[in-house]
């Protein structure tokens, strides 16, 4: 399963665990991706998207239809 937000384009990045003694080892920063269903009233249908928590907040603010159009235009995971 791809861990990419279809609205914001967020994806995992690599960083370091840093211990108290300053020893570094590789780790992953994984975004909070959730599979969520949204209803599009303009098309009278449900869609399922993989979105981050930030993506859900953006959808609540702008509306699902505007976010989908914007994501298709910029190709962020769709």
PDB file of N, CA and C in Angstrom:
ATOM      1  N   UNK A   1       0.839  -1.180   0.000  1.00  0.00           N
ATOM      2  CA  UNK A   1       0.000   0.000   0.000  1.00  0.00           C
ATOM      3  C   UNK A   1       0.884   1.243   0.000  1.00  0.00           C
ATOM      4  N   UNK A   2       0.649   2.101  -0.940  1.00  0.00           N
ATOM      5  CA  UNK A   2       1.430   3.324  -1.056  1.00  0.00           C
ATOM      6  C   UNK A   2       1.065   4.283   0.065  1.00  0.00           C
ATOM      7  N   UNK A   3       2.080   4.871   0.691  1.00  0.00           N
ATOM      8  CA  UNK A   3       1.846   5.798   1.804  1.00  0.00           C
ATOM      9  C   UNK A   3       1.976   7.232   1.324  1.00  0.00           C
ATOM     10  N   UNK A   4       1.162   7.607   0.336  1.00  0.00           N
ATOM     11  CA  UNK A   4       1.182   8.955  -0.216  1.00  0.00           C
ATOM     12  C   UNK A   4      -0.211   9.543  -0.101  1.00  0.00           C
ATOM     13  N   UNK A   5      -0.305  10.766   0.441  1.00  0.00           N
ATOM     14  CA  UNK A   5      -1.584  11.452   0.557  1.00  0.00           C
ATOM     15  C   UNK A   5      -2.015  11.926  -0.829  1.00  0.00           C
ATOM     16  N   UNK A   6      -3.254  11.639  -1.211  1.00  0.00           N
ATOM     17  CA  UNK A   6      -3.745  12.001  -2.529  1.00  0.00           C
ATOM     18  C   UNK A   6      -4.161  13.467  -2.615  1.00  0.00           C
ATOM     19  N   UNK A   7      -4.198  14.176  -1.507  1.00  0.00           N
ATOM     20  CA  UNK A   7      -4.554  15.595  -1.510  1.00  0.00           C
ATOM     21  C   UNK A   7      -3.312  16.471  -1.365  1.00  0.00           C
ATOM     22  N   UNK A   8      -2.481  16.189  -0.365  1.00  0.00           N
ATOM     23  CA  UNK A   8      -1.318  17.038  -0.105  1.00  0.00           C
ATOM     24  C   UNK A   8      -0.043  16.532  -0.755  1.00  0.00           C
ATOM     25  N   UNK A   9       0.015  15.245  -1.115  1.00  0.00           N
ATOM     26  CA  UNK A   9       1.229  14.677  -1.693  1.00  0.00           C
ATOM     27  C   UNK A   9       2.266  14.287  -0.657  1.00  0.00           C
ATOM     28  N   UNK A  10       1.917  14.318   0.633  1.00  0.00           N
ATOM     29  CA  UNK A  10       2.861  13.932   1.685  1.00  0.00           C
ATOM     30  C   UNK A  10       3.237  12.469   1.529  1.00  0.00           C
ATOM     31  N   UNK A  11       4.535  12.155   1.780  1.00  0.00           N
ATOM     32  CA  UNK A  11       5.019  10.789   1.700  1.00  0.00           C
ATOM     33  C   UNK A  11       6.112  10.592   2.740  1.00  0.00           C
ATOM     34  N   UNK A  12       6.516   9.342   3.009  1.00  0.00           N
ATOM     35  CA  UNK A  12       7.535   9.098   4.028  1.00  0.00           C
ATOM     36  C   UNK A  12       8.867   9.750   3.663  1.00  0.00           C
ATOM     37  N   UNK A  13       9.583  10.210   4.697  1.00  0.00           N
ATOM     38  CA  UNK A  13      10.927  10.755   4.513  1.00  0.00           C
ATOM     39  C   UNK A  13      11.867  10.051   5.482  1.00  0.00           C
ATOM     40  N   UNK A  14      13.151  10.108   5.185  1.00  0.00           N
ATOM     41  CA  UNK A  14      14.164   9.417   5.991  1.00  0.00           C
ATOM     42  C   UNK A  14      14.870  10.421   6.883  1.00  0.00           C
ATOM     43  N   UNK A  15      15.150   9.996   8.111  1.00  0.00           N
ATOM     44  CA  UNK A  15      15.877  10.828   9.051  1.00  0.00           C
ATOM     45  C   UNK A  15      16.719   9.959   9.967  1.00  0.00           C
ATOM     46  N   UNK A  16      17.090  10.495  11.087  1.00  0.00           N
ATOM     47  CA  UNK A  16      17.934   9.769  12.039  1.00  0.00           C
ATOM     48  C   UNK A  16      17.291   9.707  13.414  1.00  0.00           C
ATOM     49  N   UNK A  17      17.440   8.531  14.075  1.00  0.00           N
ATOM     50  CA  UNK A  17      17.249   8.452  15.521  1.00  0.00           C
ATOM     51  C   UNK A  17      18.525   9.019  16.115  1.00  0.00           C
ATOM     52  N   UNK A  18      18.431   9.911  17.068  1.00  0.00           N
ATOM     53  CA  UNK A  18      19.628  10.436  17.723  1.00  0.00           C
ATOM     54  C   UNK A  18      19.520  10.108  19.209  1.00  0.00           C
ATOM     55  N   UNK A  19      20.458   9.304  19.684  1.00  0.00           N
ATOM     56  CA  UNK A  19      20.433   8.882  21.081  1.00  0.00           C
ATOM     57  C   UNK A  19      21.020   9.969  21.969  1.00  0.00           C
ATOM     58  N   UNK A  20      20.954   9.716  23.262  1.00  0.00           N
ATOM     59  CA  UNK A  20      21.504  10.666  24.236  1.00  0.00           C
ATOM     60  C   UNK A  20      23.014  10.842  24.039  1.00  0.00           C
ATOM     61  N   UNK A  21      23.672   9.761  23.612  1.00  0.00           N
ATOM     62  CA  UNK A  21      25.119   9.830  23.370  1.00  0.00           C
ATOM     63  C   UNK A  21      25.442  10.286  21.944  1.00  0.00           C
ATOM     64  N   UNK A  22      24.433  10.762  21.223  1.00  0.00           N
ATOM     65  CA  UNK A  22      24.560  11.339  19.875  1.00  0.00           C
ATOM     66  C   UNK A  22      24.904  10.302  18.805  1.00  0.00           C
ATOM     67  N   UNK A  23      24.529   9.029  19.059  1.00  0.00           N
ATOM     68  CA  UNK A  23      24.692   7.989  18.044  1.00  0.00           C
ATOM     69  C   UNK A  23      23.483   8.076  17.112  1.00  0.00           C
ATOM     70  N   UNK A  24      23.737   8.058  15.812  1.00  0.00           N
ATOM     71  CA  UNK A  24      22.658   8.212  14.829  1.00  0.00           C
ATOM     72  C   UNK A  24      22.405   6.902  14.108  1.00  0.00           C
ATOM     73  N   UNK A  25      21.138   6.559  13.924  1.00  0.00           N
ATOM     74  CA  UNK A  25      20.753   5.415  13.116  1.00  0.00           C
ATOM     75  C   UNK A  25      19.534   5.818  12.287  1.00  0.00           C
ATOM     76  N   UNK A  26      19.401   5.221  11.122  1.00  0.00           N
ATOM     77  CA  UNK A  26      18.348   5.616  10.186  1.00  0.00           C
ATOM     78  C   UNK A  26      16.964   5.248  10.706  1.00  0.00           C
ATOM     79  N   UNK A  27      15.984   6.076  10.369  1.00  0.00           N
ATOM     80  CA  UNK A  27      14.581   5.806  10.682  1.00  0.00           C
ATOM     81  C   UNK A  27      13.716   6.471   9.626  1.00  0.00           C
ATOM     82  N   UNK A  28      12.430   6.136   9.621  1.00  0.00           N
ATOM     83  CA  UNK A  28      11.454   6.700   8.689  1.00  0.00           C
ATOM     84  C   UNK A  28      10.480   7.582   9.441  1.00  0.00           C
ATOM     85  N   UNK A  29      10.143   8.715   8.844  1.00  0.00           N
ATOM     86  CA  UNK A  29       9.049   9.553   9.321  1.00  0.00           C
ATOM     87  C   UNK A  29       7.868   9.277   8.403  1.00  0.00           C
ATOM     88  N   UNK A  30       6.838   8.611   8.922  1.00  0.00           N
ATOM     89  CA  UNK A  30       5.703   8.182   8.094  1.00  0.00           C
ATOM     90  C   UNK A  30       4.509   9.096   8.373  1.00  0.00           C
ATOM     91  N   UNK A  31       3.877   9.656   7.327  1.00  0.00           N
ATOM     92  CA  UNK A  31       2.723  10.529   7.545  1.00  0.00           C
ATOM     93  C   UNK A  31       1.509   9.737   8.031  1.00  0.00           C
ATOM     94  N   UNK A  32       0.592  10.439   8.682  1.00  0.00           N
ATOM     95  CA  UNK A  32      -0.617   9.832   9.229  1.00  0.00           C
ATOM     96  C   UNK A  32      -1.645   9.652   8.109  1.00  0.00           C
ATOM     97  N   UNK A  33      -1.495   8.572   7.318  1.00  0.00           N
ATOM     98  CA  UNK A  33      -2.354   8.307   6.164  1.00  0.00           C
ATOM     99  C   UNK A  33      -3.532   7.440   6.591  1.00  0.00           C
ATOM    100  N   UNK A  34      -4.732   7.851   6.188  1.00  0.00           N
ATOM    101  CA  UNK A  34      -5.947   7.104   6.489  1.00  0.00           C
ATOM    102  C   UNK A  34      -6.760   6.936   5.219  1.00  0.00           C
ATOM    103  N   UNK A  35      -7.421   5.799   5.102  1.00  0.00           N
ATOM    104  CA  UNK A  35      -8.311   5.570   3.970  1.00  0.00           C
ATOM    105  C   UNK A  35      -9.703   6.030   4.387  1.00  0.00           C
ATOM    106  N   UNK A  36     -10.251   7.001   3.679  1.00  0.00           N
ATOM    107  CA  UNK A  36     -11.509   7.625   4.103  1.00  0.00           C
ATOM    108  C   UNK A  36     -12.439   7.783   2.911  1.00  0.00           C
ATOM    109  N   UNK A  37     -13.735   7.584   3.147  1.00  0.00           N
ATOM    110  CA  UNK A  37     -14.752   7.765   2.115  1.00  0.00           C
ATOM    111  C   UNK A  37     -15.328   9.168   2.213  1.00  0.00           C
ATOM    112  N   UNK A  38     -15.509   9.801   1.056  1.00  0.00           N
ATOM    113  CA  UNK A  38     -16.106  11.130   0.981  1.00  0.00           C
ATOM    114  C   UNK A  38     -17.252  11.097  -0.009  1.00  0.00           C
ATOM    115  N   UNK A  39     -18.311  11.848   0.288  1.00  0.00           N
ATOM    116  CA  UNK A  39     -19.444  11.969  -0.623  1.00  0.00           C
ATOM    117  C   UNK A  39     -19.281  13.237  -1.440  1.00  0.00           C
ATOM    118  N   UNK A  40     -19.413  13.105  -2.770  1.00  0.00           N
ATOM    119  CA  UNK A  40     -19.331  14.259  -3.661  1.00  0.00           C
ATOM    120  C   UNK A  40     -20.756  14.591  -4.107  1.00  0.00           C
ATOM    121  N   UNK A  41     -21.350  15.661  -3.563  1.00  0.00           N
ATOM    122  CA  UNK A  41     -22.743  15.966  -3.925  1.00  0.00           C
ATOM    123  C   UNK A  41     -22.906  16.403  -5.375  1.00  0.00           C
ATOM    124  N   UNK A  42     -21.871  17.008  -5.981  1.00  0.00           N
ATOM    125  CA  UNK A  42     -21.966  17.440  -7.373  1.00  0.00           C
ATOM    126  C   UNK A  42     -22.122  16.259  -8.331  1.00  0.00           C
ATOM    127  N   UNK A  43     -21.512  15.130  -7.982  1.00  0.00           N
ATOM    128  CA  UNK A  43     -21.581  13.932  -8.821  1.00  0.00           C
ATOM    129  C   UNK A  43     -22.500  12.866  -8.230  1.00  0.00           C
ATOM    130  N   UNK A  44     -23.029  13.115  -7.026  1.00  0.00           N
ATOM    131  CA  UNK A  44     -23.934  12.204  -6.323  1.00  0.00           C
ATOM    132  C   UNK A  44     -23.321  10.806  -6.177  1.00  0.00           C
ATOM    133  N   UNK A  45     -22.057  10.744  -5.705  1.00  0.00           N
ATOM    134  CA  UNK A  45     -21.389   9.451  -5.503  1.00  0.00           C
ATOM    135  C   UNK A  45     -20.359   9.547  -4.392  1.00  0.00           C
ATOM    136  N   UNK A  46     -19.928   8.371  -3.899  1.00  0.00           N
ATOM    137  CA  UNK A  46     -18.911   8.261  -2.868  1.00  0.00           C
ATOM    138  C   UNK A  46     -17.584   7.922  -3.529  1.00  0.00           C
ATOM    139  N   UNK A  47     -16.483   8.435  -2.967  1.00  0.00           N
ATOM    140  CA  UNK A  47     -15.148   8.046  -3.396  1.00  0.00           C
ATOM    141  C   UNK A  47     -14.324   7.720  -2.160  1.00  0.00           C
ATOM    142  N   UNK A  48     -13.320   6.874  -2.334  1.00  0.00           N
ATOM    143  CA  UNK A  48     -12.410   6.517  -1.247  1.00  0.00           C
ATOM    144  C   UNK A  48     -11.042   7.099  -1.575  1.00  0.00           C
ATOM    145  N   UNK A  49     -10.489   7.847  -0.642  1.00  0.00           N
ATOM    146  CA  UNK A  49      -9.179   8.469  -0.823  1.00  0.00           C
ATOM    147  C   UNK A  49      -8.253   8.061   0.306  1.00  0.00           C
ATOM    148  N   UNK A  50      -6.952   8.014   0.010  1.00  0.00           N
ATOM    149  CA  UNK A  50      -5.929   7.862   1.043  1.00  0.00           C
ATOM    150  C   UNK A  50      -5.436   9.270   1.344  1.00  0.00           C
ATOM    151  N   UNK A  51      -5.803   9.784   2.510  1.00  0.00           N
ATOM    152  CA  UNK A  51      -5.463  11.162   2.859  1.00  0.00           C
ATOM    153  C   UNK A  51      -4.787  11.221   4.218  1.00  0.00           C
ATOM    154  N   UNK A  52      -3.940  12.230   4.382  1.00  0.00           N
ATOM    155  CA  UNK A  52      -3.296  12.470   5.678  1.00  0.00           C
ATOM    156  C   UNK A  52      -4.264  13.258   6.556  1.00  0.00           C
ATOM    157  N   UNK A  53      -3.923  13.373   7.831  1.00  0.00           N
ATOM    158  CA  UNK A  53      -4.754  14.146   8.751  1.00  0.00           C
ATOM    159  C   UNK A  53      -4.833  15.602   8.290  1.00  0.00           C
ATOM    160  N   UNK A  54      -3.716  16.138   7.787  1.00  0.00           N
ATOM    161  CA  UNK A  54      -3.690  17.496   7.251  1.00  0.00           C
ATOM    162  C   UNK A  54      -4.592  17.597   6.016  1.00  0.00           C
ATOM    163  N   UNK A  55      -4.612  16.550   5.186  1.00  0.00           N
ATOM    164  CA  UNK A  55      -5.471  16.521   4.002  1.00  0.00           C
ATOM    165  C   UNK A  55      -6.948  16.561   4.364  1.00  0.00           C
ATOM    166  N   UNK A  56      -7.322  15.879   5.447  1.00  0.00           N
ATOM    167  CA  UNK A  56      -8.715  15.888   5.910  1.00  0.00           C
ATOM    168  C   UNK A  56      -9.110  17.290   6.349  1.00  0.00           C
ATOM    169  N   UNK A  57      -8.191  17.991   7.043  1.00  0.00           N
ATOM    170  CA  UNK A  57      -8.474  19.363   7.473  1.00  0.00           C
ATOM    171  C   UNK A  57      -8.635  20.291   6.266  1.00  0.00           C
ATOM    172  N   UNK A  58      -7.826  20.084   5.236  1.00  0.00           N
ATOM    173  CA  UNK A  58      -7.937  20.897   4.024  1.00  0.00           C
ATOM    174  C   UNK A  58      -9.272  20.648   3.333  1.00  0.00           C
ATOM    175  N   UNK A  59      -9.702  19.373   3.269  1.00  0.00           N
ATOM    176  CA  UNK A  59     -10.989  19.032   2.657  1.00  0.00           C
ATOM    177  C   UNK A  59     -12.131  19.671   3.428  1.00  0.00           C
ATOM    178  N   UNK A  60     -12.061  19.669   4.760  1.00  0.00           N
ATOM    179  CA  UNK A  60     -13.102  20.301   5.571  1.00  0.00           C
ATOM    180  C   UNK A  60     -13.176  21.796   5.317  1.00  0.00           C
ATOM    181  N   UNK A  61     -12.036  22.417   5.035  1.00  0.00           N
ATOM    182  CA  UNK A  61     -12.002  23.859   4.826  1.00  0.00           C
ATOM    183  C   UNK A  61     -12.470  24.248   3.422  1.00  0.00           C
ATOM    184  N   UNK A  62     -11.915  23.603   2.381  1.00  0.00           N
ATOM    185  CA  UNK A  62     -12.193  23.995   0.997  1.00  0.00           C
ATOM    186  C   UNK A  62     -13.393  23.284   0.381  1.00  0.00           C
ATOM    187  N   UNK A  63     -13.672  22.072   0.847  1.00  0.00           N
ATOM    188  CA  UNK A  63     -14.702  21.245   0.226  1.00  0.00           C
ATOM    189  C   UNK A  63     -14.051  20.165  -0.621  1.00  0.00           C
ATOM    190  N   UNK A  64     -14.705  19.009  -0.698  1.00  0.00           N
ATOM    191  CA  UNK A  64     -14.123  17.845  -1.367  1.00  0.00           C
ATOM    192  C   UNK A  64     -13.979  18.068  -2.866  1.00  0.00           C
ATOM    193  N   UNK A  65     -14.967  18.688  -3.496  1.00  0.00           N
ATOM    194  CA  UNK A  65     -14.929  18.842  -4.957  1.00  0.00           C
ATOM    195  C   UNK A  65     -13.769  19.749  -5.376  1.00  0.00           C
ATOM    196  N   UNK A  66     -13.570  20.859  -4.669  1.00  0.00           N
ATOM    197  CA  UNK A  66     -12.482  21.782  -4.989  1.00  0.00           C
ATOM    198  C   UNK A  66     -11.127  21.120  -4.774  1.00  0.00           C
ATOM    199  N   UNK A  67     -10.995  20.322  -3.721  1.00  0.00           N
ATOM    200  CA  UNK A  67      -9.729  19.645  -3.439  1.00  0.00           C
ATOM    201  C   UNK A  67      -9.405  18.597  -4.499  1.00  0.00           C
ATOM    202  N   UNK A  68     -10.410  17.870  -4.953  1.00  0.00           N
ATOM    203  CA  UNK A  68     -10.187  16.851  -5.980  1.00  0.00           C
ATOM    204  C   UNK A  68      -9.750  17.503  -7.284  1.00  0.00           C
ATOM    205  N   UNK A  69     -10.412  18.580  -7.665  1.00  0.00           N
ATOM    206  CA  UNK A  69     -10.044  19.284  -8.891  1.00  0.00           C
ATOM    207  C   UNK A  69      -8.604  19.800  -8.814  1.00  0.00           C
ATOM    208  N   UNK A  70      -8.238  20.346  -7.673  1.00  0.00           N
ATOM    209  CA  UNK A  70      -6.882  20.870  -7.466  1.00  0.00           C
ATOM    210  C   UNK A  70      -5.845  19.742  -7.494  1.00  0.00           C
ATOM    211  N   UNK A  71      -6.166  18.582  -6.882  1.00  0.00           N
ATOM    212  CA  UNK A  71      -5.236  17.454  -6.848  1.00  0.00           C
ATOM    213  C   UNK A  71      -5.059  16.863  -8.246  1.00  0.00           C
ATOM    214  N   UNK A  72      -6.124  16.795  -9.026  1.00  0.00           N
ATOM    215  CA  UNK A  72      -6.020  16.285 -10.395  1.00  0.00           C
ATOM    216  C   UNK A  72      -5.158  17.223 -11.231  1.00  0.00           C
ATOM    217  N   UNK A  73      -5.345  18.520 -11.054  1.00  0.00           N
ATOM    218  CA  UNK A  73      -4.588  19.499 -11.817  1.00  0.00           C
ATOM    219  C   UNK A  73      -3.092  19.424 -11.512  1.00  0.00           C
ATOM    220  N   UNK A  74      -2.739  19.187 -10.237  1.00  0.00           N
ATOM    221  CA  UNK A  74      -1.330  19.165  -9.848  1.00  0.00           C
ATOM    222  C   UNK A  74      -0.741  17.750  -9.773  1.00  0.00           C
ATOM    223  N   UNK A  75      -1.565  16.703 -10.045  1.00  0.00           N
ATOM    224  CA  UNK A  75      -1.124  15.301 -10.041  1.00  0.00           C
ATOM    225  C   UNK A  75      -0.501  14.870  -8.720  1.00  0.00           C
ATOM    226  N   UNK A  76      -1.105  15.159  -7.583  1.00  0.00           N
ATOM    227  CA  UNK A  76      -0.596  14.751  -6.273  1.00  0.00           C
ATOM    228  C   UNK A  76      -1.160  13.391  -5.891  1.00  0.00           C
ATOM    229  N   UNK A  77      -0.664  12.349  -6.493  1.00  0.00           N
ATOM    230  CA  UNK A  77      -1.079  11.007  -6.099  1.00  0.00           C
ATOM    231  C   UNK A  77      -2.339  10.509  -6.756  1.00  0.00           C
ATOM    232  N   UNK A  78      -2.980  11.281  -7.611  1.00  0.00           N
ATOM    233  CA  UNK A  78      -4.210  10.818  -8.261  1.00  0.00           C
ATOM    234  C   UNK A  78      -3.947  10.401  -9.691  1.00  0.00           C
TER     235      UNK A  78
END
